[in-house]
């Protein structure tokens, strides 16, 4: 049995009206991708249909559920965020009921304890976005998305047990993110690798071959927000090839996820952007690979043998995690859960 929730809008003496079941997945998609276009693609519905579903639900509730801002994609209103929280609570209660039934009907299982809450601050990633809810429900992992730099700040402040971020093997000195860590205090856990590069329209109509083509051909771009690992990597690659960011049209046009960058290009609002292959594939866009980066988690070295971290390491290497990661274009697991023998000038 799989528990599901349904919602009705009622008020002002009117009869209850069923809310389109597609609205909550669309709102979750907006929360994950920062874009209604991205949410529509993820849910497999046309953009106009997605907009109509969200608009109709907002009218039924008497308040908007999402806002659109030029250069900022889509964002949820407070009432929409609260609705998702309440729906999560309802689904979690149903999950608990289902689990209780499973326990009662299995003589081989012993008493079940709720998993301990593990706080993880992590750079946004498509695989983690898919794993977030199931990790929380089944394993007690509370995953919050930030930029890579902010995630490390949260971890260093003691507000999270782990932080997730991505780096490339260094050839020109220590990675600026690794430089924030202390090799004697912190331990790196391997997770996956993914391809980053230039995302352009299907067929690559402007024949982009290198980063310098973005400026030379005067193309409009969409960028990631400051502090994100992808923005730091993009700036580093621009410096390496001698390209001045101020020469790029749209350098300050920012989005907050890979999917939002791809959605902006797919909608024709930008010619190019920098991001992961999986986001380009999601929107059927062309992709020019430039680097393969590692996505890592960091924890306190003294906590490596704790039950909490050992369970998290096992989760990274689990078949359920593998089933989500391996089908993603440009992704590969990288000895997940193993401790990296990092020198903090690269990750061998």
C-alpha atoms as a PDB file:
ATOM      1  CA  UNK A   1       0.000   0.000   0.000  1.00  0.00           C
ATOM      2  CA  UNK A   2       1.167   3.523  -0.826  1.00  0.00           C
ATOM      3  CA  UNK A   3      -0.505   6.315   1.197  1.00  0.00           C
ATOM      4  CA  UNK A   4      -1.533   9.458  -0.691  1.00  0.00           C
ATOM      5  CA  UNK A   5      -3.069  12.792   0.269  1.00  0.00           C
ATOM      6  CA  UNK A   6      -5.742  14.867  -1.425  1.00  0.00           C
ATOM      7  CA  UNK A   7      -6.902  18.405  -0.688  1.00  0.00           C
ATOM      8  CA  UNK A   8     -10.108  20.420  -0.991  1.00  0.00           C
ATOM      9  CA  UNK A   9     -10.640  24.182  -0.883  1.00  0.00           C
ATOM     10  CA  UNK A  10     -13.591  25.370   1.170  1.00  0.00           C
ATOM     11  CA  UNK A  11     -14.698  28.757   2.448  1.00  0.00           C
ATOM     12  CA  UNK A  12     -17.184  31.644   2.280  1.00  0.00           C
ATOM     13  CA  UNK A  13     -20.083  29.217   2.494  1.00  0.00           C
ATOM     14  CA  UNK A  14     -19.153  27.553  -0.801  1.00  0.00           C
ATOM     15  CA  UNK A  15     -19.135  23.820  -1.356  1.00  0.00           C
ATOM     16  CA  UNK A  16     -15.784  22.099  -1.034  1.00  0.00           C
ATOM     17  CA  UNK A  17     -13.805  22.063  -4.286  1.00  0.00           C
ATOM     18  CA  UNK A  18     -11.207  19.409  -5.017  1.00  0.00           C
ATOM     19  CA  UNK A  19      -7.770  20.851  -5.728  1.00  0.00           C
ATOM     20  CA  UNK A  20      -5.978  19.531  -8.799  1.00  0.00           C
ATOM     21  CA  UNK A  21      -3.673  16.741  -7.604  1.00  0.00           C
ATOM     22  CA  UNK A  22      -0.907  18.088  -9.842  1.00  0.00           C
ATOM     23  CA  UNK A  23      -0.505  21.337  -7.929  1.00  0.00           C
ATOM     24  CA  UNK A  24       1.588  19.984  -5.027  1.00  0.00           C
ATOM     25  CA  UNK A  25       4.127  18.188  -7.249  1.00  0.00           C
ATOM     26  CA  UNK A  26       4.393  21.395  -9.270  1.00  0.00           C
ATOM     27  CA  UNK A  27       4.950  23.484  -6.143  1.00  0.00           C
ATOM     28  CA  UNK A  28       7.601  21.021  -4.977  1.00  0.00           C
ATOM     29  CA  UNK A  29       9.201  21.316  -8.402  1.00  0.00           C
ATOM     30  CA  UNK A  30       9.308  25.107  -8.084  1.00  0.00           C
ATOM     31  CA  UNK A  31      10.901  24.749  -4.642  1.00  0.00           C
ATOM     32  CA  UNK A  32      13.557  22.381  -6.027  1.00  0.00           C
ATOM     33  CA  UNK A  33      14.306  24.030  -9.376  1.00  0.00           C
ATOM     34  CA  UNK A  34      13.472  27.672  -8.712  1.00  0.00           C
ATOM     35  CA  UNK A  35      11.528  27.697 -11.971  1.00  0.00           C
ATOM     36  CA  UNK A  36       7.950  26.943 -13.034  1.00  0.00           C
ATOM     37  CA  UNK A  37       9.341  25.790 -16.385  1.00  0.00           C
ATOM     38  CA  UNK A  38      11.630  23.367 -14.558  1.00  0.00           C
ATOM     39  CA  UNK A  39       8.752  22.150 -12.392  1.00  0.00           C
ATOM     40  CA  UNK A  40       6.574  21.610 -15.463  1.00  0.00           C
ATOM     41  CA  UNK A  41       9.285  19.591 -17.214  1.00  0.00           C
ATOM     42  CA  UNK A  42       9.913  17.495 -14.094  1.00  0.00           C
ATOM     43  CA  UNK A  43       6.190  16.746 -13.766  1.00  0.00           C
ATOM     44  CA  UNK A  44       5.765  16.034 -17.472  1.00  0.00           C
ATOM     45  CA  UNK A  45       3.159  18.723 -18.171  1.00  0.00           C
ATOM     46  CA  UNK A  46       3.230  21.669 -20.616  1.00  0.00           C
ATOM     47  CA  UNK A  47       4.245  25.022 -19.169  1.00  0.00           C
ATOM     48  CA  UNK A  48       0.851  26.594 -19.917  1.00  0.00           C
ATOM     49  CA  UNK A  49      -0.904  23.713 -18.156  1.00  0.00           C
ATOM     50  CA  UNK A  50       1.389  24.034 -15.134  1.00  0.00           C
ATOM     51  CA  UNK A  51       0.738  27.752 -14.915  1.00  0.00           C
ATOM     52  CA  UNK A  52      -3.019  27.148 -15.154  1.00  0.00           C
ATOM     53  CA  UNK A  53      -2.965  24.492 -12.418  1.00  0.00           C
ATOM     54  CA  UNK A  54      -1.034  26.731 -10.005  1.00  0.00           C
ATOM     55  CA  UNK A  55      -3.179  29.753 -10.889  1.00  0.00           C
ATOM     56  CA  UNK A  56      -6.461  27.850 -10.416  1.00  0.00           C
ATOM     57  CA  UNK A  57      -5.351  26.488  -7.056  1.00  0.00           C
ATOM     58  CA  UNK A  58      -4.378  29.989  -5.947  1.00  0.00           C
ATOM     59  CA  UNK A  59      -7.775  31.317  -6.949  1.00  0.00           C
ATOM     60  CA  UNK A  60      -9.503  28.485  -5.102  1.00  0.00           C
ATOM     61  CA  UNK A  61      -7.512  29.333  -1.964  1.00  0.00           C
ATOM     62  CA  UNK A  62      -7.907  33.082  -2.461  1.00  0.00           C
ATOM     63  CA  UNK A  63      -4.164  33.787  -2.471  1.00  0.00           C
ATOM     64  CA  UNK A  64      -1.292  33.448  -4.974  1.00  0.00           C
ATOM     65  CA  UNK A  65       0.924  30.388  -4.566  1.00  0.00           C
ATOM     66  CA  UNK A  66       3.926  31.420  -6.694  1.00  0.00           C
ATOM     67  CA  UNK A  67       5.518  34.597  -7.966  1.00  0.00           C
ATOM     68  CA  UNK A  68       7.613  35.157 -11.065  1.00  0.00           C
ATOM     69  CA  UNK A  69      10.489  37.637 -11.089  1.00  0.00           C
ATOM     70  CA  UNK A  70      12.656  38.451 -14.083  1.00  0.00           C
ATOM     71  CA  UNK A  71      16.095  36.923 -13.629  1.00  0.00           C
ATOM     72  CA  UNK A  72      14.995  35.152 -10.440  1.00  0.00           C
ATOM     73  CA  UNK A  73      12.803  32.400 -11.832  1.00  0.00           C
ATOM     74  CA  UNK A  74       9.807  31.420  -9.727  1.00  0.00           C
ATOM     75  CA  UNK A  75       9.444  31.359  -5.965  1.00  0.00           C
ATOM     76  CA  UNK A  76       6.765  30.099  -3.618  1.00  0.00           C
ATOM     77  CA  UNK A  77       4.678  32.417  -1.483  1.00  0.00           C
ATOM     78  CA  UNK A  78       4.629  31.824   2.292  1.00  0.00           C
ATOM     79  CA  UNK A  79       1.197  30.161   2.097  1.00  0.00           C
ATOM     80  CA  UNK A  80       2.475  27.746  -0.569  1.00  0.00           C
ATOM     81  CA  UNK A  81       5.536  26.863   1.525  1.00  0.00           C
ATOM     82  CA  UNK A  82       3.318  26.270   4.543  1.00  0.00           C
ATOM     83  CA  UNK A  83       0.964  24.099   2.470  1.00  0.00           C
ATOM     84  CA  UNK A  84       3.899  21.893   1.456  1.00  0.00           C
ATOM     85  CA  UNK A  85       4.965  21.625   5.095  1.00  0.00           C
ATOM     86  CA  UNK A  86       1.457  20.593   6.168  1.00  0.00           C
ATOM     87  CA  UNK A  87       1.244  18.080   3.323  1.00  0.00           C
ATOM     88  CA  UNK A  88       4.623  16.657   4.372  1.00  0.00           C
ATOM     89  CA  UNK A  89       3.324  16.297   7.912  1.00  0.00           C
ATOM     90  CA  UNK A  90       0.200  14.530   6.661  1.00  0.00           C
ATOM     91  CA  UNK A  91       2.191  12.183   4.423  1.00  0.00           C
ATOM     92  CA  UNK A  92       4.653  11.456   7.209  1.00  0.00           C
ATOM     93  CA  UNK A  93       1.750  10.508   9.482  1.00  0.00           C
ATOM     94  CA  UNK A  94       0.447   8.173   6.772  1.00  0.00           C
ATOM     95  CA  UNK A  95       3.939   6.752   6.284  1.00  0.00           C
ATOM     96  CA  UNK A  96       4.110   6.071  10.013  1.00  0.00           C
ATOM     97  CA  UNK A  97       0.752   4.270   9.899  1.00  0.00           C
ATOM     98  CA  UNK A  98       1.921   2.207   6.942  1.00  0.00           C
ATOM     99  CA  UNK A  99       5.169   1.364   8.740  1.00  0.00           C
ATOM    100  CA  UNK A 100       3.205   0.268  11.811  1.00  0.00           C
ATOM    101  CA  UNK A 101       1.151  -2.081   9.656  1.00  0.00           C
ATOM    102  CA  UNK A 102       4.313  -3.498   8.075  1.00  0.00           C
ATOM    103  CA  UNK A 103       5.855  -4.092  11.491  1.00  0.00           C
ATOM    104  CA  UNK A 104       2.768  -5.841  12.823  1.00  0.00           C
ATOM    105  CA  UNK A 105       2.544  -8.132   9.800  1.00  0.00           C
ATOM    106  CA  UNK A 106       6.205  -9.161   9.837  1.00  0.00           C
ATOM    107  CA  UNK A 107       7.130 -11.596  12.587  1.00  0.00           C
ATOM    108  CA  UNK A 108      10.784 -11.271  11.663  1.00  0.00           C
ATOM    109  CA  UNK A 109      11.050  -7.599  12.562  1.00  0.00           C
ATOM    110  CA  UNK A 110      11.851  -6.360  16.013  1.00  0.00           C
ATOM    111  CA  UNK A 111      10.791  -3.100  17.601  1.00  0.00           C
ATOM    112  CA  UNK A 112      11.305  -0.089  15.335  1.00  0.00           C
ATOM    113  CA  UNK A 113      12.866   3.147  16.476  1.00  0.00           C
ATOM    114  CA  UNK A 114      12.542   6.483  14.704  1.00  0.00           C
ATOM    115  CA  UNK A 115      15.813   7.379  12.989  1.00  0.00           C
ATOM    116  CA  UNK A 116      17.899  10.071  14.615  1.00  0.00           C
ATOM    117  CA  UNK A 117      17.848  13.481  12.959  1.00  0.00           C
ATOM    118  CA  UNK A 118      21.042  14.255  11.035  1.00  0.00           C
ATOM    119  CA  UNK A 119      21.414  17.836   9.823  1.00  0.00           C
ATOM    120  CA  UNK A 120      23.123  18.263   6.454  1.00  0.00           C
ATOM    121  CA  UNK A 121      23.727  21.580   4.671  1.00  0.00           C
ATOM    122  CA  UNK A 122      24.439  20.955   1.008  1.00  0.00           C
ATOM    123  CA  UNK A 123      24.949  22.590  -2.342  1.00  0.00           C
ATOM    124  CA  UNK A 124      21.950  21.969  -4.594  1.00  0.00           C
ATOM    125  CA  UNK A 125      22.224  18.856  -6.706  1.00  0.00           C
ATOM    126  CA  UNK A 126      19.672  17.083  -8.901  1.00  0.00           C
ATOM    127  CA  UNK A 127      20.378  13.668  -7.383  1.00  0.00           C
ATOM    128  CA  UNK A 128      20.111  14.983  -3.829  1.00  0.00           C
ATOM    129  CA  UNK A 129      16.870  16.788  -4.704  1.00  0.00           C
ATOM    130  CA  UNK A 130      15.405  13.410  -5.667  1.00  0.00           C
ATOM    131  CA  UNK A 131      16.769  11.735  -2.539  1.00  0.00           C
ATOM    132  CA  UNK A 132      15.875  14.469  -0.058  1.00  0.00           C
ATOM    133  CA  UNK A 133      12.372  13.356   0.973  1.00  0.00           C
ATOM    134  CA  UNK A 134      13.112   9.637   1.165  1.00  0.00           C
ATOM    135  CA  UNK A 135      16.281  10.254   3.172  1.00  0.00           C
ATOM    136  CA  UNK A 136      14.304  12.374   5.628  1.00  0.00           C
ATOM    137  CA  UNK A 137      11.405   9.931   6.021  1.00  0.00           C
ATOM    138  CA  UNK A 138      13.338   6.675   6.081  1.00  0.00           C
ATOM    139  CA  UNK A 139      16.685   7.715   7.573  1.00  0.00           C
ATOM    140  CA  UNK A 140      16.140  10.941   9.542  1.00  0.00           C
ATOM    141  CA  UNK A 141      18.435  13.008   7.324  1.00  0.00           C
ATOM    142  CA  UNK A 142      17.399  16.681   7.367  1.00  0.00           C
ATOM    143  CA  UNK A 143      18.912  18.046   4.159  1.00  0.00           C
ATOM    144  CA  UNK A 144      18.831  21.795   3.488  1.00  0.00           C
ATOM    145  CA  UNK A 145      20.084  23.314   0.252  1.00  0.00           C
ATOM    146  CA  UNK A 146      22.389  26.333   0.210  1.00  0.00           C
ATOM    147  CA  UNK A 147      25.266  27.393  -1.980  1.00  0.00           C
ATOM    148  CA  UNK A 148      28.502  25.460  -1.419  1.00  0.00           C
ATOM    149  CA  UNK A 149      30.123  28.340   0.494  1.00  0.00           C
ATOM    150  CA  UNK A 150      27.064  28.880   2.700  1.00  0.00           C
ATOM    151  CA  UNK A 151      26.800  25.133   3.375  1.00  0.00           C
ATOM    152  CA  UNK A 152      30.381  25.085   4.644  1.00  0.00           C
ATOM    153  CA  UNK A 153      29.700  28.171   6.768  1.00  0.00           C
ATOM    154  CA  UNK A 154      26.703  26.433   8.349  1.00  0.00           C
ATOM    155  CA  UNK A 155      28.814  23.335   9.036  1.00  0.00           C
ATOM    156  CA  UNK A 156      31.748  25.299  10.450  1.00  0.00           C
ATOM    157  CA  UNK A 157      29.335  27.158  12.759  1.00  0.00           C
ATOM    158  CA  UNK A 158      28.237  23.813  14.217  1.00  0.00           C
ATOM    159  CA  UNK A 159      24.699  24.105  12.819  1.00  0.00           C
ATOM    160  CA  UNK A 160      24.986  20.911  10.742  1.00  0.00           C
ATOM    161  CA  UNK A 161      26.820  17.602  11.196  1.00  0.00           C
ATOM    162  CA  UNK A 162      27.768  17.457   7.528  1.00  0.00           C
ATOM    163  CA  UNK A 163      28.094  19.756   4.532  1.00  0.00           C
ATOM    164  CA  UNK A 164      27.899  18.848   0.851  1.00  0.00           C
ATOM    165  CA  UNK A 165      29.832  20.763  -1.789  1.00  0.00           C
ATOM    166  CA  UNK A 166      31.631  20.199  -5.085  1.00  0.00           C
ATOM    167  CA  UNK A 167      35.208  20.787  -6.210  1.00  0.00           C
ATOM    168  CA  UNK A 168      37.451  20.102  -9.183  1.00  0.00           C
ATOM    169  CA  UNK A 169      40.923  18.626  -8.930  1.00  0.00           C
ATOM    170  CA  UNK A 170      43.211  21.582  -8.476  1.00  0.00           C
ATOM    171  CA  UNK A 171      45.882  22.484 -11.011  1.00  0.00           C
ATOM    172  CA  UNK A 172      46.341  26.101  -9.951  1.00  0.00           C
ATOM    173  CA  UNK A 173      46.440  25.909  -6.158  1.00  0.00           C
ATOM    174  CA  UNK A 174      44.027  24.865  -3.441  1.00  0.00           C
ATOM    175  CA  UNK A 175      40.329  24.908  -4.271  1.00  0.00           C
ATOM    176  CA  UNK A 176      38.818  27.938  -2.490  1.00  0.00           C
ATOM    177  CA  UNK A 177      36.220  25.701  -0.814  1.00  0.00           C
ATOM    178  CA  UNK A 178      38.752  23.136   0.413  1.00  0.00           C
ATOM    179  CA  UNK A 179      40.804  26.027   1.759  1.00  0.00           C
ATOM    180  CA  UNK A 180      37.994  26.676   4.274  1.00  0.00           C
ATOM    181  CA  UNK A 181      38.592  23.293   5.929  1.00  0.00           C
ATOM    182  CA  UNK A 182      41.224  21.950   8.340  1.00  0.00           C
ATOM    183  CA  UNK A 183      42.755  18.584   7.424  1.00  0.00           C
ATOM    184  CA  UNK A 184      43.385  17.744  11.091  1.00  0.00           C
ATOM    185  CA  UNK A 185      39.782  18.477  12.098  1.00  0.00           C
ATOM    186  CA  UNK A 186      37.684  17.656   9.035  1.00  0.00           C
ATOM    187  CA  UNK A 187      37.246  14.485   6.997  1.00  0.00           C
ATOM    188  CA  UNK A 188      35.951  14.305   3.425  1.00  0.00           C
ATOM    189  CA  UNK A 189      33.490  11.631   2.304  1.00  0.00           C
ATOM    190  CA  UNK A 190      33.291  10.689  -1.357  1.00  0.00           C
ATOM    191  CA  UNK A 191      29.928  10.657  -3.090  1.00  0.00           C
ATOM    192  CA  UNK A 192      29.784  11.205  -6.859  1.00  0.00           C
ATOM    193  CA  UNK A 193      31.254  12.938  -9.892  1.00  0.00           C
ATOM    194  CA  UNK A 194      29.320  15.008 -12.406  1.00  0.00           C
ATOM    195  CA  UNK A 195      30.092  16.861 -15.617  1.00  0.00           C
ATOM    196  CA  UNK A 196      29.931  20.652 -15.738  1.00  0.00           C
ATOM    197  CA  UNK A 197      30.048  22.701 -18.892  1.00  0.00           C
ATOM    198  CA  UNK A 198      28.272  25.148 -21.163  1.00  0.00           C
ATOM    199  CA  UNK A 199      24.544  24.630 -21.735  1.00  0.00           C
ATOM    200  CA  UNK A 200      23.151  26.040 -24.993  1.00  0.00           C
ATOM    201  CA  UNK A 201      20.018  25.666 -27.088  1.00  0.00           C
ATOM    202  CA  UNK A 202      19.359  22.395 -28.869  1.00  0.00           C
ATOM    203  CA  UNK A 203      21.605  22.049 -31.904  1.00  0.00           C
ATOM    204  CA  UNK A 204      24.056  24.672 -30.568  1.00  0.00           C
ATOM    205  CA  UNK A 205      22.858  27.327 -33.066  1.00  0.00           C
ATOM    206  CA  UNK A 206      25.621  29.792 -32.117  1.00  0.00           C
ATOM    207  CA  UNK A 207      28.344  27.126 -32.511  1.00  0.00           C
ATOM    208  CA  UNK A 208      29.790  27.686 -29.066  1.00  0.00           C
ATOM    209  CA  UNK A 209      33.023  25.746 -28.528  1.00  0.00           C
ATOM    210  CA  UNK A 210      34.746  27.481 -25.595  1.00  0.00           C
ATOM    211  CA  UNK A 211      33.944  29.866 -22.762  1.00  0.00           C
ATOM    212  CA  UNK A 212      35.570  32.707 -24.678  1.00  0.00           C
ATOM    213  CA  UNK A 213      32.927  32.271 -27.394  1.00  0.00           C
ATOM    214  CA  UNK A 214      30.320  33.565 -24.960  1.00  0.00           C
ATOM    215  CA  UNK A 215      31.926  37.007 -25.000  1.00  0.00           C
ATOM    216  CA  UNK A 216      33.257  36.920 -28.561  1.00  0.00           C
ATOM    217  CA  UNK A 217      29.830  36.088 -29.979  1.00  0.00           C
ATOM    218  CA  UNK A 218      28.096  38.534 -27.602  1.00  0.00           C
ATOM    219  CA  UNK A 219      25.699  35.865 -26.337  1.00  0.00           C
ATOM    220  CA  UNK A 220      23.294  36.436 -23.481  1.00  0.00           C
ATOM    221  CA  UNK A 221      23.955  34.155 -20.517  1.00  0.00           C
ATOM    222  CA  UNK A 222      22.233  33.083 -17.321  1.00  0.00           C
ATOM    223  CA  UNK A 223      24.469  32.660 -14.278  1.00  0.00           C
ATOM    224  CA  UNK A 224      24.260  31.005 -10.861  1.00  0.00           C
ATOM    225  CA  UNK A 225      24.034  33.015  -7.660  1.00  0.00           C
ATOM    226  CA  UNK A 226      27.189  34.229  -5.838  1.00  0.00           C
ATOM    227  CA  UNK A 227      28.433  31.703  -3.288  1.00  0.00           C
ATOM    228  CA  UNK A 228      27.212  28.678  -5.197  1.00  0.00           C
ATOM    229  CA  UNK A 229      29.883  26.133  -6.041  1.00  0.00           C
ATOM    230  CA  UNK A 230      28.997  26.365  -9.725  1.00  0.00           C
ATOM    231  CA  UNK A 231      29.419  30.164  -9.723  1.00  0.00           C
ATOM    232  CA  UNK A 232      32.812  29.795  -8.026  1.00  0.00           C
ATOM    233  CA  UNK A 233      33.847  27.185 -10.592  1.00  0.00           C
ATOM    234  CA  UNK A 234      32.577  29.293 -13.501  1.00  0.00           C
ATOM    235  CA  UNK A 235      34.534  32.329 -12.274  1.00  0.00           C
ATOM    236  CA  UNK A 236      37.635  30.201 -11.815  1.00  0.00           C
ATOM    237  CA  UNK A 237      37.416  28.834 -15.368  1.00  0.00           C
ATOM    238  CA  UNK A 238      36.828  32.330 -16.758  1.00  0.00           C
ATOM    239  CA  UNK A 239      39.977  33.558 -15.010  1.00  0.00           C
ATOM    240  CA  UNK A 240      41.922  30.569 -16.292  1.00  0.00           C
ATOM    241  CA  UNK A 241      41.050  31.380 -19.920  1.00  0.00           C
ATOM    242  CA  UNK A 242      41.516  35.144 -19.454  1.00  0.00           C
ATOM    243  CA  UNK A 243      37.854  36.043 -19.955  1.00  0.00           C
ATOM    244  CA  UNK A 244      36.637  39.162 -18.154  1.00  0.00           C
ATOM    245  CA  UNK A 245      33.209  38.525 -16.520  1.00  0.00           C
ATOM    246  CA  UNK A 246      32.188  42.115 -17.271  1.00  0.00           C
ATOM    247  CA  UNK A 247      32.406  41.265 -20.966  1.00  0.00           C
ATOM    248  CA  UNK A 248      29.612  38.691 -20.603  1.00  0.00           C
ATOM    249  CA  UNK A 249      26.094  39.840 -21.415  1.00  0.00           C
ATOM    250  CA  UNK A 250      23.898  38.671 -18.546  1.00  0.00           C
ATOM    251  CA  UNK A 251      26.629  37.819 -16.032  1.00  0.00           C
ATOM    252  CA  UNK A 252      24.439  39.296 -13.272  1.00  0.00           C
ATOM    253  CA  UNK A 253      21.318  37.459 -14.504  1.00  0.00           C
ATOM    254  CA  UNK A 254      21.183  34.831 -11.752  1.00  0.00           C
ATOM    255  CA  UNK A 255      19.270  31.647 -10.987  1.00  0.00           C
ATOM    256  CA  UNK A 256      19.486  29.411  -7.946  1.00  0.00           C
ATOM    257  CA  UNK A 257      19.551  25.868  -9.352  1.00  0.00           C
ATOM    258  CA  UNK A 258      20.946  23.997 -12.351  1.00  0.00           C
ATOM    259  CA  UNK A 259      17.434  23.213 -13.540  1.00  0.00           C
ATOM    260  CA  UNK A 260      16.452  26.895 -13.413  1.00  0.00           C
ATOM    261  CA  UNK A 261      19.463  27.783 -15.578  1.00  0.00           C
ATOM    262  CA  UNK A 262      18.490  25.125 -18.129  1.00  0.00           C
ATOM    263  CA  UNK A 263      14.835  26.180 -18.033  1.00  0.00           C
ATOM    264  CA  UNK A 264      15.806  29.800 -18.746  1.00  0.00           C
ATOM    265  CA  UNK A 265      17.751  28.706 -21.834  1.00  0.00           C
ATOM    266  CA  UNK A 266      14.974  26.352 -22.966  1.00  0.00           C
ATOM    267  CA  UNK A 267      12.497  29.236 -22.699  1.00  0.00           C
ATOM    268  CA  UNK A 268      14.684  31.388 -24.952  1.00  0.00           C
ATOM    269  CA  UNK A 269      15.463  33.966 -22.259  1.00  0.00           C
ATOM    270  CA  UNK A 270      19.222  33.314 -22.516  1.00  0.00           C
ATOM    271  CA  UNK A 271      21.573  31.847 -25.137  1.00  0.00           C
ATOM    272  CA  UNK A 272      23.852  29.970 -22.765  1.00  0.00           C
ATOM    273  CA  UNK A 273      24.663  29.135 -19.170  1.00  0.00           C
ATOM    274  CA  UNK A 274      27.088  27.110 -17.094  1.00  0.00           C
ATOM    275  CA  UNK A 275      25.802  23.979 -15.387  1.00  0.00           C
ATOM    276  CA  UNK A 276      25.620  20.205 -15.259  1.00  0.00           C
ATOM    277  CA  UNK A 277      24.964  17.797 -18.125  1.00  0.00           C
ATOM    278  CA  UNK A 278      21.936  16.279 -16.343  1.00  0.00           C
ATOM    279  CA  UNK A 279      20.117  19.644 -16.339  1.00  0.00           C
ATOM    280  CA  UNK A 280      20.818  20.105 -20.052  1.00  0.00           C
ATOM    281  CA  UNK A 281      19.511  16.600 -20.760  1.00  0.00           C
ATOM    282  CA  UNK A 282      16.388  17.242 -18.680  1.00  0.00           C
ATOM    283  CA  UNK A 283      15.457  20.096 -21.019  1.00  0.00           C
ATOM    284  CA  UNK A 284      16.824  18.455 -24.190  1.00  0.00           C
ATOM    285  CA  UNK A 285      19.516  21.126 -24.617  1.00  0.00           C
ATOM    286  CA  UNK A 286      23.021  20.883 -26.059  1.00  0.00           C
ATOM    287  CA  UNK A 287      25.931  20.494 -23.661  1.00  0.00           C
ATOM    288  CA  UNK A 288      29.650  21.208 -24.053  1.00  0.00           C
ATOM    289  CA  UNK A 289      31.592  19.396 -21.283  1.00  0.00           C
ATOM    290  CA  UNK A 290      34.431  21.342 -19.681  1.00  0.00           C
ATOM    291  CA  UNK A 291      35.234  19.686 -16.336  1.00  0.00           C
ATOM    292  CA  UNK A 292      34.348  16.692 -14.205  1.00  0.00           C
ATOM    293  CA  UNK A 293      33.948  17.655 -10.574  1.00  0.00           C
ATOM    294  CA  UNK A 294      33.582  15.704  -7.359  1.00  0.00           C
ATOM    295  CA  UNK A 295      30.660  16.131  -4.991  1.00  0.00           C
ATOM    296  CA  UNK A 296      31.875  15.561  -1.429  1.00  0.00           C
ATOM    297  CA  UNK A 297      30.551  15.661   2.101  1.00  0.00           C
ATOM    298  CA  UNK A 298      32.587  16.883   5.058  1.00  0.00           C
ATOM    299  CA  UNK A 299      32.220  15.895   8.701  1.00  0.00           C
ATOM    300  CA  UNK A 300      34.308  16.182  11.847  1.00  0.00           C
ATOM    301  CA  UNK A 301      37.113  13.631  11.780  1.00  0.00           C
ATOM    302  CA  UNK A 302      36.401  12.650  15.375  1.00  0.00           C
ATOM    303  CA  UNK A 303      32.829  11.695  14.356  1.00  0.00           C
ATOM    304  CA  UNK A 304      33.846   9.212  11.639  1.00  0.00           C
ATOM    305  CA  UNK A 305      33.311   6.194  13.891  1.00  0.00           C
ATOM    306  CA  UNK A 306      30.031   7.473  15.355  1.00  0.00           C
ATOM    307  CA  UNK A 307      26.849   5.558  14.581  1.00  0.00           C
ATOM    308  CA  UNK A 308      25.367   8.641  12.911  1.00  0.00           C
ATOM    309  CA  UNK A 309      28.181   9.157  10.409  1.00  0.00           C
ATOM    310  CA  UNK A 310      28.637   5.427   9.792  1.00  0.00           C
ATOM    311  CA  UNK A 311      24.921   5.202   8.920  1.00  0.00           C
ATOM    312  CA  UNK A 312      25.201   8.201   6.594  1.00  0.00           C
ATOM    313  CA  UNK A 313      28.220   6.672   4.840  1.00  0.00           C
ATOM    314  CA  UNK A 314      26.279   3.448   4.349  1.00  0.00           C
ATOM    315  CA  UNK A 315      23.360   5.467   2.964  1.00  0.00           C
ATOM    316  CA  UNK A 316      25.617   7.073   0.346  1.00  0.00           C
ATOM    317  CA  UNK A 317      26.650   3.614  -0.863  1.00  0.00           C
ATOM    318  CA  UNK A 318      23.188   2.033  -0.623  1.00  0.00           C
ATOM    319  CA  UNK A 319      21.399   0.426  -3.597  1.00  0.00           C
ATOM    320  CA  UNK A 320      18.561   2.970  -3.227  1.00  0.00           C
ATOM    321  CA  UNK A 321      20.990   5.870  -3.654  1.00  0.00           C
ATOM    322  CA  UNK A 322      22.711   4.112  -6.550  1.00  0.00           C
ATOM    323  CA  UNK A 323      19.344   3.654  -8.294  1.00  0.00           C
ATOM    324  CA  UNK A 324      18.810   7.429  -8.297  1.00  0.00           C
ATOM    325  CA  UNK A 325      22.337   8.552  -9.209  1.00  0.00           C
ATOM    326  CA  UNK A 326      23.440   6.168 -11.952  1.00  0.00           C
ATOM    327  CA  UNK A 327      20.697   6.966 -14.521  1.00  0.00           C
ATOM    328  CA  UNK A 328      21.488  10.707 -14.440  1.00  0.00           C
ATOM    329  CA  UNK A 329      23.437  11.879 -17.528  1.00  0.00           C
ATOM    330  CA  UNK A 330      26.972  12.952 -16.645  1.00  0.00           C
ATOM    331  CA  UNK A 331      26.824  11.385 -13.165  1.00  0.00           C
ATOM    332  CA  UNK A 332      28.876   8.543 -11.699  1.00  0.00           C
ATOM    333  CA  UNK A 333      29.244   7.274  -8.158  1.00  0.00           C
ATOM    334  CA  UNK A 334      32.765   7.805  -6.813  1.00  0.00           C
ATOM    335  CA  UNK A 335      33.388   5.187  -4.088  1.00  0.00           C
ATOM    336  CA  UNK A 336      30.494   6.658  -2.093  1.00  0.00           C
ATOM    337  CA  UNK A 337      31.008   6.785   1.657  1.00  0.00           C
ATOM    338  CA  UNK A 338      34.762   6.219   1.494  1.00  0.00           C
ATOM    339  CA  UNK A 339      36.985   8.683   3.310  1.00  0.00           C
ATOM    340  CA  UNK A 340      38.997  10.708   0.797  1.00  0.00           C
ATOM    341  CA  UNK A 341      42.728  10.925   1.508  1.00  0.00           C
ATOM    342  CA  UNK A 342      42.609  14.641   0.870  1.00  0.00           C
ATOM    343  CA  UNK A 343      45.624  16.892   0.910  1.00  0.00           C
ATOM    344  CA  UNK A 344      43.274  19.884   0.613  1.00  0.00           C
ATOM    345  CA  UNK A 345      45.019  20.959  -2.567  1.00  0.00           C
ATOM    346  CA  UNK A 346      43.072  18.287  -4.431  1.00  0.00           C
ATOM    347  CA  UNK A 347      41.209  15.065  -3.737  1.00  0.00           C
ATOM    348  CA  UNK A 348      43.183  11.987  -4.900  1.00  0.00           C
END
